[in-house]
Amino acid sequence: MISGAHVILYSQDAEADRVFIRDVLGFPGVDAGGGWLVLRLPPAEVAVHPSDEPPRHEFYLMCDDLDAQLREFRSQGVEITRQVSEQRWGRLTAIRLPSGAELPLYEPLHPTAHGL
């Protein structure tokens, strides 16, 4: 029986990104051995989109109130890298990880599966 999913973010500064995800985003974690931090994510869902291009994967964080979340991030000095855009499926933005990578964040306007 499948019991969960494991997401991998490849980073040029993995330690800083792990600390950011733990301390700023507030995702607790466990030491998987040798100081290797594995972080708990909130409930998740997966969508499969059609494409004529080579396969790829994307990772987004979801929130219930994007404006409130962005105020909290700004108060913590988190860089917001994209203006909020209104999509047919939700309100989209992104934040900067310490490694320089962007992490998309959105407030869904569609029904979500993680509450099933």
C-alpha atoms as a PDB file:
ATOM      1  CA  MET A   1       0.000   0.000   0.000  1.00  0.00           C
ATOM      2  CA  ILE A   2       1.358   3.434  -0.885  1.00  0.00           C
ATOM      3  CA  SER A   3       1.650   5.504   2.287  1.00  0.00           C
ATOM      4  CA  GLY A   4       2.989   8.839   1.042  1.00  0.00           C
ATOM      5  CA  ALA A   5       5.073  10.718  -1.476  1.00  0.00           C
ATOM      6  CA  HIS A   6       8.659  11.954  -1.302  1.00  0.00           C
ATOM      7  CA  VAL A   7       9.547  15.175  -3.110  1.00  0.00           C
ATOM      8  CA  ILE A   8      13.187  15.997  -3.903  1.00  0.00           C
ATOM      9  CA  LEU A   9      14.409  19.543  -4.503  1.00  0.00           C
ATOM     10  CA  TYR A  10      17.909  19.679  -5.962  1.00  0.00           C
ATOM     11  CA  SER A  11      19.766  22.685  -4.582  1.00  0.00           C
ATOM     12  CA  GLN A  12      23.102  24.439  -4.925  1.00  0.00           C
ATOM     13  CA  ASP A  13      22.903  25.182  -1.167  1.00  0.00           C
ATOM     14  CA  ALA A  14      20.913  22.271   0.253  1.00  0.00           C
ATOM     15  CA  GLU A  15      21.716  22.993   3.905  1.00  0.00           C
ATOM     16  CA  ALA A  16      20.514  26.611   3.706  1.00  0.00           C
ATOM     17  CA  ASP A  17      17.373  25.577   1.846  1.00  0.00           C
ATOM     18  CA  ARG A  18      16.640  22.844   4.414  1.00  0.00           C
ATOM     19  CA  VAL A  19      16.981  25.337   7.274  1.00  0.00           C
ATOM     20  CA  PHE A  20      14.755  27.832   5.425  1.00  0.00           C
ATOM     21  CA  ILE A  21      12.075  25.212   4.817  1.00  0.00           C
ATOM     22  CA  ARG A  22      12.242  24.101   8.451  1.00  0.00           C
ATOM     23  CA  ASP A  23      12.523  27.493  10.152  1.00  0.00           C
ATOM     24  CA  VAL A  24      10.811  29.963   7.809  1.00  0.00           C
ATOM     25  CA  LEU A  25       8.173  27.750   6.207  1.00  0.00           C
ATOM     26  CA  GLY A  26       7.717  25.905   9.514  1.00  0.00           C
ATOM     27  CA  PHE A  27       7.906  22.332   8.215  1.00  0.00           C
ATOM     28  CA  PRO A  28       9.276  20.055  10.958  1.00  0.00           C
ATOM     29  CA  GLY A  29      11.668  17.303  10.041  1.00  0.00           C
ATOM     30  CA  VAL A  30      13.598  14.271  11.138  1.00  0.00           C
ATOM     31  CA  ASP A  31      17.263  13.412  10.894  1.00  0.00           C
ATOM     32  CA  ALA A  32      17.349  10.556   8.413  1.00  0.00           C
ATOM     33  CA  GLY A  33      20.935   9.829   9.454  1.00  0.00           C
ATOM     34  CA  GLY A  34      24.164  11.757   9.419  1.00  0.00           C
ATOM     35  CA  GLY A  35      22.403  15.093   9.791  1.00  0.00           C
ATOM     36  CA  TRP A  36      20.369  14.574   6.607  1.00  0.00           C
ATOM     37  CA  LEU A  37      17.168  16.506   7.302  1.00  0.00           C
ATOM     38  CA  VAL A  38      13.936  15.181   5.757  1.00  0.00           C
ATOM     39  CA  LEU A  39      11.042  17.614   6.178  1.00  0.00           C
ATOM     40  CA  ARG A  40       7.343  16.933   6.611  1.00  0.00           C
ATOM     41  CA  LEU A  41       5.113  18.572   4.023  1.00  0.00           C
ATOM     42  CA  PRO A  42       1.527  19.626   4.470  1.00  0.00           C
ATOM     43  CA  PRO A  43      -1.179  17.509   2.792  1.00  0.00           C
ATOM     44  CA  ALA A  44      -0.494  17.200  -0.906  1.00  0.00           C
ATOM     45  CA  GLU A  45      -2.103  16.339  -4.200  1.00  0.00           C
ATOM     46  CA  VAL A  46      -0.794  15.487  -7.643  1.00  0.00           C
ATOM     47  CA  ALA A  47      -2.110  16.557 -11.034  1.00  0.00           C
ATOM     48  CA  VAL A  48      -1.096  15.110 -14.398  1.00  0.00           C
ATOM     49  CA  HIS A  49      -1.212  17.603 -17.254  1.00  0.00           C
ATOM     50  CA  PRO A  50      -1.022  16.693 -20.959  1.00  0.00           C
ATOM     51  CA  SER A  51       2.047  17.905 -22.820  1.00  0.00           C
ATOM     52  CA  ASP A  52       3.654  17.559 -26.220  1.00  0.00           C
ATOM     53  CA  GLU A  53       7.019  18.514 -24.680  1.00  0.00           C
ATOM     54  CA  PRO A  54       9.479  16.276 -22.799  1.00  0.00           C
ATOM     55  CA  PRO A  55       8.238  15.157 -19.375  1.00  0.00           C
ATOM     56  CA  ARG A  56       9.013  17.464 -16.447  1.00  0.00           C
ATOM     57  CA  HIS A  57       7.863  17.959 -12.875  1.00  0.00           C
ATOM     58  CA  GLU A  58       6.843  21.043 -10.914  1.00  0.00           C
ATOM     59  CA  PHE A  59       6.442  21.639  -7.172  1.00  0.00           C
ATOM     60  CA  TYR A  60       4.142  24.301  -5.720  1.00  0.00           C
ATOM     61  CA  LEU A  61       3.180  25.126  -2.151  1.00  0.00           C
ATOM     62  CA  MET A  62      -0.494  25.886  -1.593  1.00  0.00           C
ATOM     63  CA  CYS A  63      -2.015  28.292   0.934  1.00  0.00           C
ATOM     64  CA  ASP A  64      -5.510  29.316   1.971  1.00  0.00           C
ATOM     65  CA  ASP A  65      -4.825  33.088   2.096  1.00  0.00           C
ATOM     66  CA  LEU A  66      -2.055  34.228  -0.223  1.00  0.00           C
ATOM     67  CA  ASP A  67      -2.110  37.863   0.911  1.00  0.00           C
ATOM     68  CA  ALA A  68      -1.717  36.914   4.587  1.00  0.00           C
ATOM     69  CA  GLN A  69       1.062  34.452   3.759  1.00  0.00           C
ATOM     70  CA  LEU A  70       2.950  37.063   1.749  1.00  0.00           C
ATOM     71  CA  ARG A  71       2.675  39.569   4.635  1.00  0.00           C
ATOM     72  CA  GLU A  72       4.187  36.942   6.940  1.00  0.00           C
ATOM     73  CA  PHE A  73       6.981  36.176   4.492  1.00  0.00           C
ATOM     74  CA  ARG A  74       7.794  39.878   4.059  1.00  0.00           C
ATOM     75  CA  SER A  75       7.962  40.304   7.854  1.00  0.00           C
ATOM     76  CA  GLN A  76      10.556  37.499   7.874  1.00  0.00           C
ATOM     77  CA  GLY A  77      12.592  39.090   5.086  1.00  0.00           C
ATOM     78  CA  VAL A  78      11.644  36.480   2.479  1.00  0.00           C
ATOM     79  CA  GLU A  79      12.052  37.736  -1.092  1.00  0.00           C
ATOM     80  CA  ILE A  80       8.883  37.564  -3.173  1.00  0.00           C
ATOM     81  CA  THR A  81      10.136  36.941  -6.720  1.00  0.00           C
ATOM     82  CA  ARG A  82       6.927  37.256  -8.732  1.00  0.00           C
ATOM     83  CA  GLN A  83       4.018  39.635  -8.585  1.00  0.00           C
ATOM     84  CA  VAL A  84       0.784  37.854  -7.747  1.00  0.00           C
ATOM     85  CA  SER A  85      -0.941  36.827 -10.960  1.00  0.00           C
ATOM     86  CA  GLU A  86      -4.529  35.766 -11.303  1.00  0.00           C
ATOM     87  CA  GLN A  87      -4.817  32.437 -13.098  1.00  0.00           C
ATOM     88  CA  ARG A  88      -8.055  30.626 -13.881  1.00  0.00           C
ATOM     89  CA  TRP A  89      -7.027  27.974 -11.322  1.00  0.00           C
ATOM     90  CA  GLY A  90      -5.643  30.242  -8.567  1.00  0.00           C
ATOM     91  CA  ARG A  91      -3.545  33.191  -7.454  1.00  0.00           C
ATOM     92  CA  LEU A  92       0.149  32.537  -8.173  1.00  0.00           C
ATOM     93  CA  THR A  93       3.444  33.970  -6.922  1.00  0.00           C
ATOM     94  CA  ALA A  94       6.881  32.657  -5.904  1.00  0.00           C
ATOM     95  CA  ILE A  95       9.465  33.116  -3.165  1.00  0.00           C
ATOM     96  CA  ARG A  96      13.255  32.893  -3.224  1.00  0.00           C
ATOM     97  CA  LEU A  97      15.046  30.073  -1.396  1.00  0.00           C
ATOM     98  CA  PRO A  98      18.493  30.825   0.083  1.00  0.00           C
ATOM     99  CA  SER A  99      20.097  28.866  -2.771  1.00  0.00           C
ATOM    100  CA  GLY A 100      18.561  31.316  -5.242  1.00  0.00           C
ATOM    101  CA  ALA A 101      15.928  28.894  -6.539  1.00  0.00           C
ATOM    102  CA  GLU A 102      12.319  29.984  -6.847  1.00  0.00           C
ATOM    103  CA  LEU A 103       9.551  28.146  -5.018  1.00  0.00           C
ATOM    104  CA  PRO A 104       6.086  28.773  -6.494  1.00  0.00           C
ATOM    105  CA  LEU A 105       3.215  29.402  -4.114  1.00  0.00           C
ATOM    106  CA  TYR A 106      -0.465  29.634  -4.912  1.00  0.00           C
ATOM    107  CA  GLU A 107      -3.922  30.005  -3.451  1.00  0.00           C
ATOM    108  CA  PRO A 108      -6.128  27.520  -5.298  1.00  0.00           C
ATOM    109  CA  LEU A 109      -9.456  28.594  -6.727  1.00  0.00           C
ATOM    110  CA  HIS A 110     -10.231  25.003  -7.735  1.00  0.00           C
ATOM    111  CA  PRO A 111     -11.490  22.203  -5.496  1.00  0.00           C
ATOM    112  CA  THR A 112      -8.544  20.558  -3.720  1.00  0.00           C
ATOM    113  CA  ALA A 113      -7.987  16.839  -3.270  1.00  0.00           C
ATOM    114  CA  HIS A 114      -5.879  16.942  -0.106  1.00  0.00           C
ATOM    115  CA  GLY A 115      -8.940  17.296   2.125  1.00  0.00           C
ATOM    116  CA  LEU A 116     -10.523  14.011   0.961  1.00  0.00           C
END
